[in-house]
């Protein structure tokens, strides 16, 4: 099951890998990985980076759409 869903056009999985694993590879320490991942609300067991690119509207001060890095499809925010 994907935490970030799938592209509505090409159906690519938009999970980008484990947040905890990223910090473990970066630091080599489980303790440091735990602390860094916690800042993102992630743990060793859950929490994925998202691959969809947010399209931000400065005037509205919010994300208004998403962009798939695989097929370049753009869709509105739900």
PDB file of N, CA and C in Angstrom:
ATOM      1  N   UNK A   1       0.840  -1.181   0.000  1.00  0.00           N
ATOM      2  CA  UNK A   1       0.000   0.000   0.000  1.00  0.00           C
ATOM      3  C   UNK A   1       0.890   1.252   0.000  1.00  0.00           C
ATOM      4  N   UNK A   2       0.566   2.206  -0.814  1.00  0.00           N
ATOM      5  CA  UNK A   2       1.340   3.427  -0.971  1.00  0.00           C
ATOM      6  C   UNK A   2       0.835   4.523  -0.029  1.00  0.00           C
ATOM      7  N   UNK A   3       1.744   5.167   0.695  1.00  0.00           N
ATOM      8  CA  UNK A   3       1.363   6.271   1.578  1.00  0.00           C
ATOM      9  C   UNK A   3       0.979   7.515   0.785  1.00  0.00           C
ATOM     10  N   UNK A   4       1.602   7.700  -0.365  1.00  0.00           N
ATOM     11  CA  UNK A   4       1.397   8.913  -1.156  1.00  0.00           C
ATOM     12  C   UNK A   4       0.515   8.688  -2.378  1.00  0.00           C
ATOM     13  N   UNK A   5       0.037   7.482  -2.559  1.00  0.00           N
ATOM     14  CA  UNK A   5      -0.857   7.203  -3.669  1.00  0.00           C
ATOM     15  C   UNK A   5      -0.125   6.966  -4.979  1.00  0.00           C
ATOM     16  N   UNK A   6      -0.875   7.089  -6.049  1.00  0.00           N
ATOM     17  CA  UNK A   6      -0.371   6.774  -7.384  1.00  0.00           C
ATOM     18  C   UNK A   6      -0.730   7.906  -8.340  1.00  0.00           C
ATOM     19  N   UNK A   7       0.078   8.088  -9.362  1.00  0.00           N
ATOM     20  CA  UNK A   7      -0.223   9.096 -10.372  1.00  0.00           C
ATOM     21  C   UNK A   7      -1.533   8.725 -11.053  1.00  0.00           C
ATOM     22  N   UNK A   8      -2.460   9.675 -11.188  1.00  0.00           N
ATOM     23  CA  UNK A   8      -3.733   9.358 -11.833  1.00  0.00           C
ATOM     24  C   UNK A   8      -3.599   9.082 -13.331  1.00  0.00           C
ATOM     25  N   UNK A   9      -2.462   9.416 -13.920  1.00  0.00           N
ATOM     26  CA  UNK A   9      -2.258   9.202 -15.344  1.00  0.00           C
ATOM     27  C   UNK A   9      -1.502   7.905 -15.638  1.00  0.00           C
ATOM     28  N   UNK A  10      -0.289   7.768 -15.086  1.00  0.00           N
ATOM     29  CA  UNK A  10       0.547   6.603 -15.417  1.00  0.00           C
ATOM     30  C   UNK A  10       0.533   5.531 -14.333  1.00  0.00           C
ATOM     31  N   UNK A  11      -0.121   5.805 -13.201  1.00  0.00           N
ATOM     32  CA  UNK A  11      -0.272   4.878 -12.069  1.00  0.00           C
ATOM     33  C   UNK A  11       1.041   4.591 -11.338  1.00  0.00           C
ATOM     34  N   UNK A  12       2.060   5.438 -11.517  1.00  0.00           N
ATOM     35  CA  UNK A  12       3.339   5.261 -10.809  1.00  0.00           C
ATOM     36  C   UNK A  12       3.119   5.417  -9.307  1.00  0.00           C
ATOM     37  N   UNK A  13       3.785   4.582  -8.522  1.00  0.00           N
ATOM     38  CA  UNK A  13       3.757   4.684  -7.070  1.00  0.00           C
ATOM     39  C   UNK A  13       4.509   5.960  -6.689  1.00  0.00           C
ATOM     40  N   UNK A  14       3.890   6.822  -5.898  1.00  0.00           N
ATOM     41  CA  UNK A  14       4.501   8.100  -5.559  1.00  0.00           C
ATOM     42  C   UNK A  14       5.232   8.091  -4.217  1.00  0.00           C
ATOM     43  N   UNK A  15       5.413   6.910  -3.612  1.00  0.00           N
ATOM     44  CA  UNK A  15       6.284   6.791  -2.449  1.00  0.00           C
ATOM     45  C   UNK A  15       7.727   6.872  -2.933  1.00  0.00           C
ATOM     46  N   UNK A  16       8.550   7.596  -2.166  1.00  0.00           N
ATOM     47  CA  UNK A  16       9.929   7.803  -2.592  1.00  0.00           C
ATOM     48  C   UNK A  16      10.968   7.142  -1.722  1.00  0.00           C
ATOM     49  N   UNK A  17      10.591   6.210  -0.903  1.00  0.00           N
ATOM     50  CA  UNK A  17      11.565   5.517  -0.057  1.00  0.00           C
ATOM     51  C   UNK A  17      11.397   5.891   1.407  1.00  0.00           C
ATOM     52  N   UNK A  18      11.944   5.076   2.248  1.00  0.00           N
ATOM     53  CA  UNK A  18      11.825   5.217   3.692  1.00  0.00           C
ATOM     54  C   UNK A  18      12.584   6.443   4.198  1.00  0.00           C
ATOM     55  N   UNK A  19      11.911   7.273   4.964  1.00  0.00           N
ATOM     56  CA  UNK A  19      12.551   8.444   5.569  1.00  0.00           C
ATOM     57  C   UNK A  19      13.604   7.988   6.572  1.00  0.00           C
ATOM     58  N   UNK A  20      13.252   7.022   7.409  1.00  0.00           N
ATOM     59  CA  UNK A  20      14.194   6.521   8.412  1.00  0.00           C
ATOM     60  C   UNK A  20      15.435   5.943   7.748  1.00  0.00           C
ATOM     61  N   UNK A  21      15.233   5.139   6.718  1.00  0.00           N
ATOM     62  CA  UNK A  21      16.355   4.507   6.014  1.00  0.00           C
ATOM     63  C   UNK A  21      17.285   5.565   5.411  1.00  0.00           C
ATOM     64  N   UNK A  22      16.714   6.631   4.877  1.00  0.00           N
ATOM     65  CA  UNK A  22      17.512   7.732   4.325  1.00  0.00           C
ATOM     66  C   UNK A  22      18.467   8.282   5.380  1.00  0.00           C
ATOM     67  N   UNK A  23      17.941   8.578   6.576  1.00  0.00           N
ATOM     68  CA  UNK A  23      18.774   9.152   7.629  1.00  0.00           C
ATOM     69  C   UNK A  23      19.749   8.134   8.208  1.00  0.00           C
ATOM     70  N   UNK A  24      19.367   6.865   8.211  1.00  0.00           N
ATOM     71  CA  UNK A  24      20.306   5.836   8.676  1.00  0.00           C
ATOM     72  C   UNK A  24      21.502   5.739   7.720  1.00  0.00           C
ATOM     73  N   UNK A  25      21.243   5.750   6.421  1.00  0.00           N
ATOM     74  CA  UNK A  25      22.330   5.707   5.435  1.00  0.00           C
ATOM     75  C   UNK A  25      23.207   6.949   5.538  1.00  0.00           C
ATOM     76  N   UNK A  26      22.592   8.070   5.843  1.00  0.00           N
ATOM     77  CA  UNK A  26      23.318   9.340   5.942  1.00  0.00           C
ATOM     78  C   UNK A  26      24.225   9.378   7.170  1.00  0.00           C
ATOM     79  N   UNK A  27      23.730   8.856   8.305  1.00  0.00           N
ATOM     80  CA  UNK A  27      24.459   8.986   9.570  1.00  0.00           C
ATOM     81  C   UNK A  27      25.134   7.703  10.034  1.00  0.00           C
ATOM     82  N   UNK A  28      24.608   6.546   9.624  1.00  0.00           N
ATOM     83  CA  UNK A  28      25.135   5.275  10.105  1.00  0.00           C
ATOM     84  C   UNK A  28      24.740   4.961  11.537  1.00  0.00           C
ATOM     85  N   UNK A  29      23.827   5.732  12.086  1.00  0.00           N
ATOM     86  CA  UNK A  29      23.419   5.571  13.477  1.00  0.00           C
ATOM     87  C   UNK A  29      21.903   5.422  13.565  1.00  0.00           C
ATOM     88  N   UNK A  30      21.459   4.357  14.233  1.00  0.00           N
ATOM     89  CA  UNK A  30      20.020   4.171  14.438  1.00  0.00           C
ATOM     90  C   UNK A  30      19.452   5.278  15.315  1.00  0.00           C
ATOM     91  N   UNK A  31      20.206   5.700  16.325  1.00  0.00           N
ATOM     92  CA  UNK A  31      19.738   6.753  17.227  1.00  0.00           C
ATOM     93  C   UNK A  31      19.539   8.073  16.473  1.00  0.00           C
ATOM     94  N   UNK A  32      20.497   8.441  15.641  1.00  0.00           N
ATOM     95  CA  UNK A  32      20.373   9.679  14.858  1.00  0.00           C
ATOM     96  C   UNK A  32      19.266   9.565  13.819  1.00  0.00           C
ATOM     97  N   UNK A  33      19.123   8.390  13.230  1.00  0.00           N
ATOM     98  CA  UNK A  33      18.058   8.170  12.252  1.00  0.00           C
ATOM     99  C   UNK A  33      16.694   8.294  12.924  1.00  0.00           C
ATOM    100  N   UNK A  34      16.565   7.736  14.124  1.00  0.00           N
ATOM    101  CA  UNK A  34      15.310   7.851  14.884  1.00  0.00           C
ATOM    102  C   UNK A  34      14.969   9.320  15.132  1.00  0.00           C
ATOM    103  N   UNK A  35      15.956  10.089  15.581  1.00  0.00           N
ATOM    104  CA  UNK A  35      15.729  11.489  15.915  1.00  0.00           C
ATOM    105  C   UNK A  35      15.370  12.312  14.671  1.00  0.00           C
ATOM    106  N   UNK A  36      16.090  12.116  13.579  1.00  0.00           N
ATOM    107  CA  UNK A  36      15.822  12.873  12.352  1.00  0.00           C
ATOM    108  C   UNK A  36      14.468  12.490  11.754  1.00  0.00           C
ATOM    109  N   UNK A  37      14.178  11.195  11.701  1.00  0.00           N
ATOM    110  CA  UNK A  37      12.907  10.734  11.133  1.00  0.00           C
ATOM    111  C   UNK A  37      11.727  11.242  11.953  1.00  0.00           C
ATOM    112  N   UNK A  38      11.910  11.334  13.259  1.00  0.00           N
ATOM    113  CA  UNK A  38      10.840  11.815  14.139  1.00  0.00           C
ATOM    114  C   UNK A  38      10.410  13.226  13.746  1.00  0.00           C
ATOM    115  N   UNK A  39      11.337  14.053  13.270  1.00  0.00           N
ATOM    116  CA  UNK A  39      11.012  15.421  12.851  1.00  0.00           C
ATOM    117  C   UNK A  39      10.046  15.426  11.664  1.00  0.00           C
ATOM    118  N   UNK A  40       9.980  14.316  10.929  1.00  0.00           N
ATOM    119  CA  UNK A  40       9.073  14.175   9.788  1.00  0.00           C
ATOM    120  C   UNK A  40       7.866  13.307  10.118  1.00  0.00           C
ATOM    121  N   UNK A  41       7.722  12.937  11.383  1.00  0.00           N
ATOM    122  CA  UNK A  41       6.609  12.094  11.800  1.00  0.00           C
ATOM    123  C   UNK A  41       6.779  10.648  11.372  1.00  0.00           C
ATOM    124  N   UNK A  42       8.009  10.249  11.115  1.00  0.00           N
ATOM    125  CA  UNK A  42       8.309   8.896  10.634  1.00  0.00           C
ATOM    126  C   UNK A  42       9.018   8.083  11.707  1.00  0.00           C
ATOM    127  N   UNK A  43       8.979   6.769  11.527  1.00  0.00           N
ATOM    128  CA  UNK A  43       9.700   5.834  12.388  1.00  0.00           C
ATOM    129  C   UNK A  43      10.408   4.827  11.493  1.00  0.00           C
ATOM    130  N   UNK A  44      11.082   3.879  12.113  1.00  0.00           N
ATOM    131  CA  UNK A  44      11.748   2.823  11.343  1.00  0.00           C
ATOM    132  C   UNK A  44      10.737   2.004  10.548  1.00  0.00           C
ATOM    133  N   UNK A  45       9.519   1.874  11.061  1.00  0.00           N
ATOM    134  CA  UNK A  45       8.496   1.036  10.443  1.00  0.00           C
ATOM    135  C   UNK A  45       7.576   1.782   9.470  1.00  0.00           C
ATOM    136  N   UNK A  46       7.467   3.104   9.608  1.00  0.00           N
ATOM    137  CA  UNK A  46       6.534   3.832   8.729  1.00  0.00           C
ATOM    138  C   UNK A  46       7.092   5.211   8.380  1.00  0.00           C
ATOM    139  N   UNK A  47       6.628   5.707   7.241  1.00  0.00           N
ATOM    140  CA  UNK A  47       7.032   7.039   6.800  1.00  0.00           C
ATOM    141  C   UNK A  47       7.834   6.978   5.513  1.00  0.00           C
ATOM    142  N   UNK A  48       7.245   7.483   4.453  1.00  0.00           N
ATOM    143  CA  UNK A  48       7.885   7.484   3.134  1.00  0.00           C
ATOM    144  C   UNK A  48       8.009   8.919   2.628  1.00  0.00           C
ATOM    145  N   UNK A  49       9.073   9.186   1.909  1.00  0.00           N
ATOM    146  CA  UNK A  49       9.164  10.445   1.181  1.00  0.00           C
ATOM    147  C   UNK A  49       8.135  10.396   0.067  1.00  0.00           C
ATOM    148  N   UNK A  50       7.631  11.524  -0.330  1.00  0.00           N
ATOM    149  CA  UNK A  50       6.709  11.603  -1.462  1.00  0.00           C
ATOM    150  C   UNK A  50       7.453  12.020  -2.725  1.00  0.00           C
ATOM    151  N   UNK A  51       7.103  11.432  -3.858  1.00  0.00           N
ATOM    152  CA  UNK A  51       7.754  11.743  -5.121  1.00  0.00           C
ATOM    153  C   UNK A  51       7.015  12.791  -5.937  1.00  0.00           C
ATOM    154  N   UNK A  52       5.735  12.999  -5.671  1.00  0.00           N
ATOM    155  CA  UNK A  52       4.980  14.002  -6.423  1.00  0.00           C
ATOM    156  C   UNK A  52       5.540  15.388  -6.099  1.00  0.00           C
ATOM    157  N   UNK A  53       5.622  16.234  -7.105  1.00  0.00           N
ATOM    158  CA  UNK A  53       6.129  17.589  -6.934  1.00  0.00           C
ATOM    159  C   UNK A  53       4.936  18.525  -6.737  1.00  0.00           C
ATOM    160  N   UNK A  54       4.954  19.260  -5.648  1.00  0.00           N
ATOM    161  CA  UNK A  54       3.882  20.208  -5.381  1.00  0.00           C
ATOM    162  C   UNK A  54       4.066  21.479  -6.188  1.00  0.00           C
ATOM    163  N   UNK A  55       2.980  21.980  -6.757  1.00  0.00           N
ATOM    164  CA  UNK A  55       2.998  23.243  -7.490  1.00  0.00           C
ATOM    165  C   UNK A  55       2.353  24.286  -6.584  1.00  0.00           C
ATOM    166  N   UNK A  56       3.150  25.249  -6.193  1.00  0.00           N
ATOM    167  CA  UNK A  56       2.750  26.217  -5.178  1.00  0.00           C
ATOM    168  C   UNK A  56       2.353  27.540  -5.817  1.00  0.00           C
ATOM    169  N   UNK A  57       1.262  28.105  -5.354  1.00  0.00           N
ATOM    170  CA  UNK A  57       0.814  29.428  -5.806  1.00  0.00           C
ATOM    171  C   UNK A  57       1.117  30.423  -4.687  1.00  0.00           C
ATOM    172  N   UNK A  58       2.035  31.331  -4.952  1.00  0.00           N
ATOM    173  CA  UNK A  58       2.468  32.282  -3.938  1.00  0.00           C
ATOM    174  C   UNK A  58       1.328  33.223  -3.512  1.00  0.00           C
ATOM    175  N   UNK A  59       0.496  33.646  -4.459  1.00  0.00           N
ATOM    176  CA  UNK A  59      -0.611  34.544  -4.120  1.00  0.00           C
ATOM    177  C   UNK A  59      -1.636  33.867  -3.216  1.00  0.00           C
ATOM    178  N   UNK A  60      -1.939  32.605  -3.496  1.00  0.00           N
ATOM    179  CA  UNK A  60      -2.887  31.858  -2.662  1.00  0.00           C
ATOM    180  C   UNK A  60      -2.232  31.286  -1.410  1.00  0.00           C
ATOM    181  N   UNK A  61      -0.890  31.252  -1.414  1.00  0.00           N
ATOM    182  CA  UNK A  61      -0.103  30.722  -0.304  1.00  0.00           C
ATOM    183  C   UNK A  61      -0.470  29.271   0.014  1.00  0.00           C
ATOM    184  N   UNK A  62      -0.531  28.460  -1.049  1.00  0.00           N
ATOM    185  CA  UNK A  62      -0.816  27.034  -0.857  1.00  0.00           C
ATOM    186  C   UNK A  62      -0.435  26.241  -2.102  1.00  0.00           C
ATOM    187  N   UNK A  63      -0.330  24.952  -1.923  1.00  0.00           N
ATOM    188  CA  UNK A  63      -0.121  24.047  -3.047  1.00  0.00           C
ATOM    189  C   UNK A  63      -1.432  23.935  -3.800  1.00  0.00           C
ATOM    190  N   UNK A  64      -1.392  24.148  -5.119  1.00  0.00           N
ATOM    191  CA  UNK A  64      -2.616  24.140  -5.915  1.00  0.00           C
ATOM    192  C   UNK A  64      -2.723  22.925  -6.845  1.00  0.00           C
ATOM    193  N   UNK A  65      -1.598  22.242  -7.072  1.00  0.00           N
ATOM    194  CA  UNK A  65      -1.613  21.090  -7.974  1.00  0.00           C
ATOM    195  C   UNK A  65      -0.401  20.218  -7.684  1.00  0.00           C
ATOM    196  N   UNK A  66      -0.387  19.049  -8.315  1.00  0.00           N
ATOM    197  CA  UNK A  66       0.720  18.092  -8.191  1.00  0.00           C
ATOM    198  C   UNK A  66       1.225  17.727  -9.581  1.00  0.00           C
ATOM    199  N   UNK A  67       2.477  17.283  -9.638  1.00  0.00           N
ATOM    200  CA  UNK A  67       3.149  16.956 -10.893  1.00  0.00           C
ATOM    201  C   UNK A  67       3.843  15.609 -10.727  1.00  0.00           C
ATOM    202  N   UNK A  68       3.629  14.680 -11.658  1.00  0.00           N
ATOM    203  CA  UNK A  68       4.266  13.367 -11.600  1.00  0.00           C
ATOM    204  C   UNK A  68       5.669  13.455 -12.212  1.00  0.00           C
ATOM    205  N   UNK A  69       6.695  13.026 -11.482  1.00  0.00           N
ATOM    206  CA  UNK A  69       8.048  13.075 -12.025  1.00  0.00           C
ATOM    207  C   UNK A  69       8.303  12.039 -13.121  1.00  0.00           C
ATOM    208  N   UNK A  70       7.415  11.070 -13.271  1.00  0.00           N
ATOM    209  CA  UNK A  70       7.604  10.029 -14.286  1.00  0.00           C
ATOM    210  C   UNK A  70       7.000  10.403 -15.634  1.00  0.00           C
ATOM    211  N   UNK A  71       5.732  10.806 -15.643  1.00  0.00           N
ATOM    212  CA  UNK A  71       5.055  11.062 -16.912  1.00  0.00           C
ATOM    213  C   UNK A  71       4.777  12.555 -17.148  1.00  0.00           C
ATOM    214  N   UNK A  72       5.097  13.386 -16.146  1.00  0.00           N
ATOM    215  CA  UNK A  72       4.935  14.839 -16.223  1.00  0.00           C
ATOM    216  C   UNK A  72       3.471  15.290 -16.248  1.00  0.00           C
ATOM    217  N   UNK A  73       2.586  14.411 -15.841  1.00  0.00           N
ATOM    218  CA  UNK A  73       1.156  14.758 -15.742  1.00  0.00           C
ATOM    219  C   UNK A  73       0.958  15.695 -14.545  1.00  0.00           C
ATOM    220  N   UNK A  74       0.082  16.675 -14.710  1.00  0.00           N
ATOM    221  CA  UNK A  74      -0.256  17.619 -13.641  1.00  0.00           C
ATOM    222  C   UNK A  74      -1.728  17.438 -13.292  1.00  0.00           C
ATOM    223  N   UNK A  75      -2.036  17.402 -11.989  1.00  0.00           N
ATOM    224  CA  UNK A  75      -3.429  17.287 -11.573  1.00  0.00           C
ATOM    225  C   UNK A  75      -3.679  18.211 -10.372  1.00  0.00           C
ATOM    226  N   UNK A  76      -4.930  18.623 -10.243  1.00  0.00           N
ATOM    227  CA  UNK A  76      -5.326  19.540  -9.179  1.00  0.00           C
ATOM    228  C   UNK A  76      -5.301  18.900  -7.812  1.00  0.00           C
ATOM    229  N   UNK A  77      -5.168  19.744  -6.829  1.00  0.00           N
ATOM    230  CA  UNK A  77      -5.178  19.288  -5.447  1.00  0.00           C
ATOM    231  C   UNK A  77      -6.581  18.879  -5.059  1.00  0.00           C
ATOM    232  N   UNK A  78      -6.692  17.780  -4.367  1.00  0.00           N
ATOM    233  CA  UNK A  78      -8.009  17.271  -3.942  1.00  0.00           C
ATOM    234  C   UNK A  78      -8.385  17.855  -2.612  1.00  0.00           C
TER     235      UNK A  78
END
